[in-house]
């Protein structure tokens, strides 16, 4: 469970908040503005986000390949279209 704390209350307690094992949601005018997490959790989330983006790209490319094949397009056709587009 996370801790929710206002920015004015967080400032003098920053050292103890950094040592917390739980995420700390920092609010400004009662609105959530930031989350303080330990570095290991940050790295885990960053790597998970990167992995998710790779999966989405891979899935999109696979769908594109299936549709291209169904339409009779070859990889060479696609490469030529991409090259033509890049010259614009």
PDB file of N, CA and C in Angstrom:
ATOM      1  N   UNK A   1       0.840  -1.173   0.000  1.00  0.00           N
ATOM      2  CA  UNK A   1       0.000   0.000   0.000  1.00  0.00           C
ATOM      3  C   UNK A   1       0.887   1.237   0.000  1.00  0.00           C
ATOM      4  N   UNK A   2       0.523   2.218  -0.780  1.00  0.00           N
ATOM      5  CA  UNK A   2       1.330   3.423  -0.888  1.00  0.00           C
ATOM      6  C   UNK A   2       0.953   4.431   0.206  1.00  0.00           C
ATOM      7  N   UNK A   3       1.834   5.403   0.374  1.00  0.00           N
ATOM      8  CA  UNK A   3       1.600   6.515   1.287  1.00  0.00           C
ATOM      9  C   UNK A   3       1.273   7.738   0.440  1.00  0.00           C
ATOM     10  N   UNK A   4       0.285   8.507   0.876  1.00  0.00           N
ATOM     11  CA  UNK A   4      -0.070   9.754   0.189  1.00  0.00           C
ATOM     12  C   UNK A   4       0.276  10.894   1.128  1.00  0.00           C
ATOM     13  N   UNK A   5       1.026  11.856   0.587  1.00  0.00           N
ATOM     14  CA  UNK A   5       1.496  12.949   1.431  1.00  0.00           C
ATOM     15  C   UNK A   5       1.561  14.239   0.618  1.00  0.00           C
ATOM     16  N   UNK A   6       1.240  15.349   1.241  1.00  0.00           N
ATOM     17  CA  UNK A   6       1.320  16.653   0.586  1.00  0.00           C
ATOM     18  C   UNK A   6       2.764  17.100   0.444  1.00  0.00           C
ATOM     19  N   UNK A   7       3.022  17.923  -0.539  1.00  0.00           N
ATOM     20  CA  UNK A   7       4.385  18.385  -0.817  1.00  0.00           C
ATOM     21  C   UNK A   7       4.991  19.115   0.372  1.00  0.00           C
ATOM     22  N   UNK A   8       4.184  19.927   1.060  1.00  0.00           N
ATOM     23  CA  UNK A   8       4.708  20.681   2.208  1.00  0.00           C
ATOM     24  C   UNK A   8       5.077  19.767   3.365  1.00  0.00           C
ATOM     25  N   UNK A   9       4.350  18.685   3.526  1.00  0.00           N
ATOM     26  CA  UNK A   9       4.674  17.711   4.562  1.00  0.00           C
ATOM     27  C   UNK A   9       5.842  16.828   4.135  1.00  0.00           C
ATOM     28  N   UNK A  10       5.991  16.612   2.847  1.00  0.00           N
ATOM     29  CA  UNK A  10       7.046  15.732   2.335  1.00  0.00           C
ATOM     30  C   UNK A  10       8.431  16.376   2.425  1.00  0.00           C
ATOM     31  N   UNK A  11       8.509  17.672   2.208  1.00  0.00           N
ATOM     32  CA  UNK A  11       9.821  18.339   2.178  1.00  0.00           C
ATOM     33  C   UNK A  11      10.683  18.034   3.402  1.00  0.00           C
ATOM     34  N   UNK A  12      10.189  18.277   4.601  1.00  0.00           N
ATOM     35  CA  UNK A  12      11.069  18.031   5.757  1.00  0.00           C
ATOM     36  C   UNK A  12      11.290  16.537   6.043  1.00  0.00           C
ATOM     37  N   UNK A  13      10.486  15.668   5.465  1.00  0.00           N
ATOM     38  CA  UNK A  13      10.595  14.227   5.716  1.00  0.00           C
ATOM     39  C   UNK A  13      11.207  13.469   4.544  1.00  0.00           C
ATOM     40  N   UNK A  14      11.801  14.168   3.609  1.00  0.00           N
ATOM     41  CA  UNK A  14      12.273  13.532   2.376  1.00  0.00           C
ATOM     42  C   UNK A  14      13.233  12.380   2.646  1.00  0.00           C
ATOM     43  N   UNK A  15      14.159  12.537   3.569  1.00  0.00           N
ATOM     44  CA  UNK A  15      15.119  11.461   3.856  1.00  0.00           C
ATOM     45  C   UNK A  15      14.414  10.192   4.304  1.00  0.00           C
ATOM     46  N   UNK A  16      13.445  10.317   5.176  1.00  0.00           N
ATOM     47  CA  UNK A  16      12.734   9.120   5.647  1.00  0.00           C
ATOM     48  C   UNK A  16      11.835   8.560   4.553  1.00  0.00           C
ATOM     49  N   UNK A  17      11.283   9.410   3.707  1.00  0.00           N
ATOM     50  CA  UNK A  17      10.440   8.934   2.611  1.00  0.00           C
ATOM     51  C   UNK A  17      11.260   8.158   1.588  1.00  0.00           C
ATOM     52  N   UNK A  18      12.485   8.589   1.359  1.00  0.00           N
ATOM     53  CA  UNK A  18      13.366   7.899   0.415  1.00  0.00           C
ATOM     54  C   UNK A  18      13.662   6.489   0.908  1.00  0.00           C
ATOM     55  N   UNK A  19      13.777   6.320   2.214  1.00  0.00           N
ATOM     56  CA  UNK A  19      14.083   5.011   2.788  1.00  0.00           C
ATOM     57  C   UNK A  19      12.869   4.089   2.853  1.00  0.00           C
ATOM     58  N   UNK A  20      11.696   4.588   2.511  1.00  0.00           N
ATOM     59  CA  UNK A  20      10.478   3.795   2.584  1.00  0.00           C
ATOM     60  C   UNK A  20      10.481   2.696   1.525  1.00  0.00           C
ATOM     61  N   UNK A  21       9.952   1.533   1.900  1.00  0.00           N
ATOM     62  CA  UNK A  21       9.828   0.430   0.941  1.00  0.00           C
ATOM     63  C   UNK A  21       8.569   0.563   0.099  1.00  0.00           C
ATOM     64  N   UNK A  22       7.691   1.461   0.494  1.00  0.00           N
ATOM     65  CA  UNK A  22       6.417   1.643  -0.213  1.00  0.00           C
ATOM     66  C   UNK A  22       6.472   2.885  -1.095  1.00  0.00           C
ATOM     67  N   UNK A  23       5.742   2.878  -2.194  1.00  0.00           N
ATOM     68  CA  UNK A  23       5.656   4.090  -3.013  1.00  0.00           C
ATOM     69  C   UNK A  23       5.028   5.230  -2.211  1.00  0.00           C
ATOM     70  N   UNK A  24       5.471   6.441  -2.487  1.00  0.00           N
ATOM     71  CA  UNK A  24       4.936   7.625  -1.832  1.00  0.00           C
ATOM     72  C   UNK A  24       4.355   8.535  -2.901  1.00  0.00           C
ATOM     73  N   UNK A  25       3.056   8.774  -2.821  1.00  0.00           N
ATOM     74  CA  UNK A  25       2.392   9.678  -3.757  1.00  0.00           C
ATOM     75  C   UNK A  25       2.460  11.070  -3.161  1.00  0.00           C
ATOM     76  N   UNK A  26       3.023  11.996  -3.913  1.00  0.00           N
ATOM     77  CA  UNK A  26       3.162  13.376  -3.442  1.00  0.00           C
ATOM     78  C   UNK A  26       2.107  14.224  -4.136  1.00  0.00           C
ATOM     79  N   UNK A  27       1.347  14.956  -3.310  1.00  0.00           N
ATOM     80  CA  UNK A  27       0.265  15.781  -3.836  1.00  0.00           C
ATOM     81  C   UNK A  27       0.611  17.260  -3.729  1.00  0.00           C
ATOM     82  N   UNK A  28       0.020  18.022  -4.631  1.00  0.00           N
ATOM     83  CA  UNK A  28       0.089  19.477  -4.587  1.00  0.00           C
ATOM     84  C   UNK A  28      -1.352  19.952  -4.686  1.00  0.00           C
ATOM     85  N   UNK A  29      -1.779  20.714  -3.696  1.00  0.00           N
ATOM     86  CA  UNK A  29      -3.174  21.168  -3.621  1.00  0.00           C
ATOM     87  C   UNK A  29      -4.141  19.977  -3.709  1.00  0.00           C
ATOM     88  N   UNK A  30      -3.802  18.921  -2.994  1.00  0.00           N
ATOM     89  CA  UNK A  30      -4.613  17.699  -2.899  1.00  0.00           C
ATOM     90  C   UNK A  30      -4.718  16.911  -4.201  1.00  0.00           C
ATOM     91  N   UNK A  31      -3.927  17.255  -5.197  1.00  0.00           N
ATOM     92  CA  UNK A  31      -3.913  16.538  -6.473  1.00  0.00           C
ATOM     93  C   UNK A  31      -2.616  15.739  -6.585  1.00  0.00           C
ATOM     94  N   UNK A  32      -2.690  14.447  -6.914  1.00  0.00           N
ATOM     95  CA  UNK A  32      -1.465  13.655  -7.094  1.00  0.00           C
ATOM     96  C   UNK A  32      -0.608  14.247  -8.215  1.00  0.00           C
ATOM     97  N   UNK A  33       0.669  14.472  -7.914  1.00  0.00           N
ATOM     98  CA  UNK A  33       1.569  15.072  -8.906  1.00  0.00           C
ATOM     99  C   UNK A  33       2.793  14.225  -9.200  1.00  0.00           C
ATOM    100  N   UNK A  34       3.197  13.397  -8.234  1.00  0.00           N
ATOM    101  CA  UNK A  34       4.413  12.629  -8.430  1.00  0.00           C
ATOM    102  C   UNK A  34       4.378  11.391  -7.539  1.00  0.00           C
ATOM    103  N   UNK A  35       5.213  10.414  -7.902  1.00  0.00           N
ATOM    104  CA  UNK A  35       5.335   9.208  -7.082  1.00  0.00           C
ATOM    105  C   UNK A  35       6.806   8.967  -6.824  1.00  0.00           C
ATOM    106  N   UNK A  36       7.123   8.771  -5.571  1.00  0.00           N
ATOM    107  CA  UNK A  36       8.488   8.469  -5.163  1.00  0.00           C
ATOM    108  C   UNK A  36       8.584   6.965  -4.935  1.00  0.00           C
ATOM    109  N   UNK A  37       9.432   6.293  -5.721  1.00  0.00           N
ATOM    110  CA  UNK A  37       9.649   4.852  -5.572  1.00  0.00           C
ATOM    111  C   UNK A  37      11.142   4.607  -5.440  1.00  0.00           C
ATOM    112  N   UNK A  38      11.501   3.440  -4.866  1.00  0.00           N
ATOM    113  CA  UNK A  38      12.926   3.156  -4.751  1.00  0.00           C
ATOM    114  C   UNK A  38      13.499   2.871  -6.135  1.00  0.00           C
ATOM    115  N   UNK A  39      14.805   2.958  -6.239  1.00  0.00           N
ATOM    116  CA  UNK A  39      15.473   2.873  -7.538  1.00  0.00           C
ATOM    117  C   UNK A  39      15.264   1.523  -8.206  1.00  0.00           C
ATOM    118  N   UNK A  40      15.291   0.446  -7.436  1.00  0.00           N
ATOM    119  CA  UNK A  40      15.089  -0.882  -8.013  1.00  0.00           C
ATOM    120  C   UNK A  40      13.709  -0.998  -8.652  1.00  0.00           C
ATOM    121  N   UNK A  41      12.697  -0.444  -7.983  1.00  0.00           N
ATOM    122  CA  UNK A  41      11.335  -0.467  -8.539  1.00  0.00           C
ATOM    123  C   UNK A  41      11.253   0.371  -9.800  1.00  0.00           C
ATOM    124  N   UNK A  42      11.932   1.508  -9.806  1.00  0.00           N
ATOM    125  CA  UNK A  42      11.977   2.355 -10.999  1.00  0.00           C
ATOM    126  C   UNK A  42      12.573   1.587 -12.183  1.00  0.00           C
ATOM    127  N   UNK A  43      13.699   0.903 -11.941  1.00  0.00           N
ATOM    128  CA  UNK A  43      14.333   0.139 -13.014  1.00  0.00           C
ATOM    129  C   UNK A  43      13.424  -0.984 -13.499  1.00  0.00           C
ATOM    130  N   UNK A  44      12.752  -1.659 -12.574  1.00  0.00           N
ATOM    131  CA  UNK A  44      11.832  -2.735 -12.948  1.00  0.00           C
ATOM    132  C   UNK A  44      10.708  -2.198 -13.824  1.00  0.00           C
ATOM    133  N   UNK A  45      10.130  -1.067 -13.438  1.00  0.00           N
ATOM    134  CA  UNK A  45       9.052  -0.463 -14.221  1.00  0.00           C
ATOM    135  C   UNK A  45       9.547   0.006 -15.586  1.00  0.00           C
ATOM    136  N   UNK A  46      10.725   0.578 -15.608  1.00  0.00           N
ATOM    137  CA  UNK A  46      11.305   1.048 -16.875  1.00  0.00           C
ATOM    138  C   UNK A  46      11.534  -0.119 -17.821  1.00  0.00           C
ATOM    139  N   UNK A  47      12.088  -1.212 -17.310  1.00  0.00           N
ATOM    140  CA  UNK A  47      12.339  -2.389 -18.147  1.00  0.00           C
ATOM    141  C   UNK A  47      11.033  -3.038 -18.595  1.00  0.00           C
ATOM    142  N   UNK A  48      10.037  -3.065 -17.715  1.00  0.00           N
ATOM    143  CA  UNK A  48       8.731  -3.627 -18.082  1.00  0.00           C
ATOM    144  C   UNK A  48       8.095  -2.799 -19.189  1.00  0.00           C
ATOM    145  N   UNK A  49       8.223  -1.477 -19.106  1.00  0.00           N
ATOM    146  CA  UNK A  49       7.667  -0.601 -20.142  1.00  0.00           C
ATOM    147  C   UNK A  49       8.368  -0.849 -21.481  1.00  0.00           C
ATOM    148  N   UNK A  50       9.675  -0.966 -21.448  1.00  0.00           N
ATOM    149  CA  UNK A  50      10.441  -1.234 -22.677  1.00  0.00           C
ATOM    150  C   UNK A  50      10.022  -2.568 -23.279  1.00  0.00           C
ATOM    151  N   UNK A  51       9.886  -3.593 -22.443  1.00  0.00           N
ATOM    152  CA  UNK A  51       9.487  -4.921 -22.903  1.00  0.00           C
ATOM    153  C   UNK A  51       8.089  -4.882 -23.511  1.00  0.00           C
ATOM    154  N   UNK A  52       7.167  -4.174 -22.865  1.00  0.00           N
ATOM    155  CA  UNK A  52       5.806  -4.046 -23.393  1.00  0.00           C
ATOM    156  C   UNK A  52       5.792  -3.361 -24.755  1.00  0.00           C
ATOM    157  N   UNK A  53       6.594  -2.331 -24.915  1.00  0.00           N
ATOM    158  CA  UNK A  53       6.674  -1.641 -26.205  1.00  0.00           C
ATOM    159  C   UNK A  53       7.217  -2.575 -27.287  1.00  0.00           C
ATOM    160  N   UNK A  54       8.195  -3.394 -26.930  1.00  0.00           N
ATOM    161  CA  UNK A  54       8.750  -4.351 -27.892  1.00  0.00           C
ATOM    162  C   UNK A  54       7.692  -5.381 -28.295  1.00  0.00           C
ATOM    163  N   UNK A  55       6.902  -5.846 -27.314  1.00  0.00           N
ATOM    164  CA  UNK A  55       5.840  -6.809 -27.623  1.00  0.00           C
ATOM    165  C   UNK A  55       4.781  -6.200 -28.532  1.00  0.00           C
ATOM    166  N   UNK A  56       4.417  -4.966 -28.271  1.00  0.00           N
ATOM    167  CA  UNK A  56       3.421  -4.287 -29.099  1.00  0.00           C
ATOM    168  C   UNK A  56       3.941  -4.139 -30.525  1.00  0.00           C
ATOM    169  N   UNK A  57       5.194  -3.734 -30.670  1.00  0.00           N
ATOM    170  CA  UNK A  57       5.789  -3.587 -31.995  1.00  0.00           C
ATOM    171  C   UNK A  57       5.843  -4.929 -32.714  1.00  0.00           C
ATOM    172  N   UNK A  58       6.268  -5.964 -32.004  1.00  0.00           N
ATOM    173  CA  UNK A  58       6.352  -7.293 -32.611  1.00  0.00           C
ATOM    174  C   UNK A  58       4.974  -7.768 -33.067  1.00  0.00           C
ATOM    175  N   UNK A  59       3.971  -7.560 -32.247  1.00  0.00           N
ATOM    176  CA  UNK A  59       2.602  -7.955 -32.594  1.00  0.00           C
ATOM    177  C   UNK A  59       2.102  -7.181 -33.811  1.00  0.00           C
ATOM    178  N   UNK A  60       2.377  -5.890 -33.833  1.00  0.00           N
ATOM    179  CA  UNK A  60       1.956  -5.062 -34.970  1.00  0.00           C
ATOM    180  C   UNK A  60       2.638  -5.500 -36.253  1.00  0.00           C
ATOM    181  N   UNK A  61       3.930  -5.797 -36.170  1.00  0.00           N
ATOM    182  CA  UNK A  61       4.660  -6.257 -37.358  1.00  0.00           C
ATOM    183  C   UNK A  61       4.133  -7.597 -37.851  1.00  0.00           C
ATOM    184  N   UNK A  62       3.816  -8.496 -36.922  1.00  0.00           N
ATOM    185  CA  UNK A  62       3.261  -9.787 -37.324  1.00  0.00           C
ATOM    186  C   UNK A  62       1.914  -9.616 -38.025  1.00  0.00           C
ATOM    187  N   UNK A  63       1.060  -8.740 -37.493  1.00  0.00           N
ATOM    188  CA  UNK A  63      -0.233  -8.467 -38.137  1.00  0.00           C
ATOM    189  C   UNK A  63      -0.027  -7.873 -39.526  1.00  0.00           C
ATOM    190  N   UNK A  64       0.942  -6.969 -39.625  1.00  0.00           N
ATOM    191  CA  UNK A  64       1.234  -6.348 -40.915  1.00  0.00           C
ATOM    192  C   UNK A  64       1.720  -7.390 -41.918  1.00  0.00           C
ATOM    193  N   UNK A  65       2.593  -8.279 -41.471  1.00  0.00           N
ATOM    194  CA  UNK A  65       3.111  -9.321 -42.373  1.00  0.00           C
ATOM    195  C   UNK A  65       1.992 -10.219 -42.889  1.00  0.00           C
ATOM    196  N   UNK A  66       1.061 -10.584 -42.006  1.00  0.00           N
ATOM    197  CA  UNK A  66      -0.062 -11.433 -42.411  1.00  0.00           C
ATOM    198  C   UNK A  66      -0.912 -10.707 -43.450  1.00  0.00           C
ATOM    199  N   UNK A  67      -1.226  -9.441 -43.183  1.00  0.00           N
ATOM    200  CA  UNK A  67      -2.054  -8.678 -44.138  1.00  0.00           C
ATOM    201  C   UNK A  67      -1.328  -8.458 -45.457  1.00  0.00           C
ATOM    202  N   UNK A  68      -0.027  -8.214 -45.384  1.00  0.00           N
ATOM    203  CA  UNK A  68       0.747  -8.014 -46.614  1.00  0.00           C
ATOM    204  C   UNK A  68       0.758  -9.293 -47.437  1.00  0.00           C
ATOM    205  N   UNK A  69       0.953 -10.411 -46.765  1.00  0.00           N
ATOM    206  CA  UNK A  69       0.976 -11.696 -47.472  1.00  0.00           C
ATOM    207  C   UNK A  69      -0.388 -11.984 -48.100  1.00  0.00           C
ATOM    208  N   UNK A  70      -1.464 -11.711 -47.362  1.00  0.00           N
ATOM    209  CA  UNK A  70      -2.814 -11.920 -47.896  1.00  0.00           C
ATOM    210  C   UNK A  70      -3.083 -11.034 -49.107  1.00  0.00           C
ATOM    211  N   UNK A  71      -2.430  -9.870 -49.140  1.00  0.00           N
ATOM    212  CA  UNK A  71      -2.611  -8.937 -50.256  1.00  0.00           C
ATOM    213  C   UNK A  71      -1.661  -9.210 -51.411  1.00  0.00           C
ATOM    214  N   UNK A  72      -0.770 -10.164 -51.231  1.00  0.00           N
ATOM    215  CA  UNK A  72       0.163 -10.502 -52.290  1.00  0.00           C
ATOM    216  C   UNK A  72       1.410  -9.636 -52.322  1.00  0.00           C
ATOM    217  N   UNK A  73       1.655  -8.882 -51.270  1.00  0.00           N
ATOM    218  CA  UNK A  73       2.855  -8.052 -51.217  1.00  0.00           C
ATOM    219  C   UNK A  73       4.032  -8.876 -50.731  1.00  0.00           C
ATOM    220  N   UNK A  74       5.188  -8.614 -51.315  1.00  0.00           N
ATOM    221  CA  UNK A  74       6.409  -9.273 -50.854  1.00  0.00           C
ATOM    222  C   UNK A  74       7.156  -8.314 -49.929  1.00  0.00           C
ATOM    223  N   UNK A  75       8.142  -8.854 -49.232  1.00  0.00           N
ATOM    224  CA  UNK A  75       8.949  -7.983 -48.372  1.00  0.00           C
ATOM    225  C   UNK A  75       9.682  -6.941 -49.212  1.00  0.00           C
ATOM    226  N   UNK A  76      10.074  -7.309 -50.425  1.00  0.00           N
ATOM    227  CA  UNK A  76      10.746  -6.361 -51.314  1.00  0.00           C
ATOM    228  C   UNK A  76       9.809  -5.211 -51.673  1.00  0.00           C
ATOM    229  N   UNK A  77       8.522  -5.517 -51.934  1.00  0.00           N
ATOM    230  CA  UNK A  77       7.546  -4.465 -52.217  1.00  0.00           C
ATOM    231  C   UNK A  77       7.451  -3.482 -51.051  1.00  0.00           C
ATOM    232  N   UNK A  78       7.406  -4.030 -49.854  1.00  0.00           N
ATOM    233  CA  UNK A  78       7.287  -3.190 -48.661  1.00  0.00           C
ATOM    234  C   UNK A  78       8.534  -2.338 -48.488  1.00  0.00           C
ATOM    235  N   UNK A  79       9.710  -2.934 -48.650  1.00  0.00           N
ATOM    236  CA  UNK A  79      10.960  -2.191 -48.541  1.00  0.00           C
ATOM    237  C   UNK A  79      11.022  -1.054 -49.550  1.00  0.00           C
ATOM    238  N   UNK A  80      10.574  -1.298 -50.771  1.00  0.00           N
ATOM    239  CA  UNK A  80      10.572  -0.262 -51.799  1.00  0.00           C
ATOM    240  C   UNK A  80       9.631   0.882 -51.421  1.00  0.00           C
ATOM    241  N   UNK A  81       8.471   0.536 -50.872  1.00  0.00           N
ATOM    242  CA  UNK A  81       7.528   1.570 -50.430  1.00  0.00           C
ATOM    243  C   UNK A  81       8.125   2.410 -49.287  1.00  0.00           C
ATOM    244  N   UNK A  82       8.793   1.745 -48.365  1.00  0.00           N
ATOM    245  CA  UNK A  82       9.408   2.459 -47.251  1.00  0.00           C
ATOM    246  C   UNK A  82      10.510   3.376 -47.764  1.00  0.00           C
ATOM    247  N   UNK A  83      11.344   2.881 -48.660  1.00  0.00           N
ATOM    248  CA  UNK A  83      12.409   3.709 -49.233  1.00  0.00           C
ATOM    249  C   UNK A  83      11.838   4.908 -49.985  1.00  0.00           C
ATOM    250  N   UNK A  84      10.772   4.685 -50.743  1.00  0.00           N
ATOM    251  CA  UNK A  84      10.134   5.780 -51.481  1.00  0.00           C
ATOM    252  C   UNK A  84       9.589   6.820 -50.504  1.00  0.00           C
ATOM    253  N   UNK A  85       9.002   6.370 -49.420  1.00  0.00           N
ATOM    254  CA  UNK A  85       8.431   7.284 -48.436  1.00  0.00           C
ATOM    255  C   UNK A  85       9.521   8.113 -47.757  1.00  0.00           C
ATOM    256  N   UNK A  86      10.665   7.490 -47.494  1.00  0.00           N
ATOM    257  CA  UNK A  86      11.761   8.172 -46.809  1.00  0.00           C
ATOM    258  C   UNK A  86      12.363   9.281 -47.662  1.00  0.00           C
ATOM    259  N   UNK A  87      12.233   9.193 -48.976  1.00  0.00           N
ATOM    260  CA  UNK A  87      12.830  10.218 -49.836  1.00  0.00           C
ATOM    261  C   UNK A  87      11.980  11.484 -49.905  1.00  0.00           C
ATOM    262  N   UNK A  88      10.757  11.434 -49.395  1.00  0.00           N
ATOM    263  CA  UNK A  88       9.901  12.646 -49.428  1.00  0.00           C
ATOM    264  C   UNK A  88      10.387  13.704 -48.524  1.00  0.00           C
TER     265      UNK A  88
END
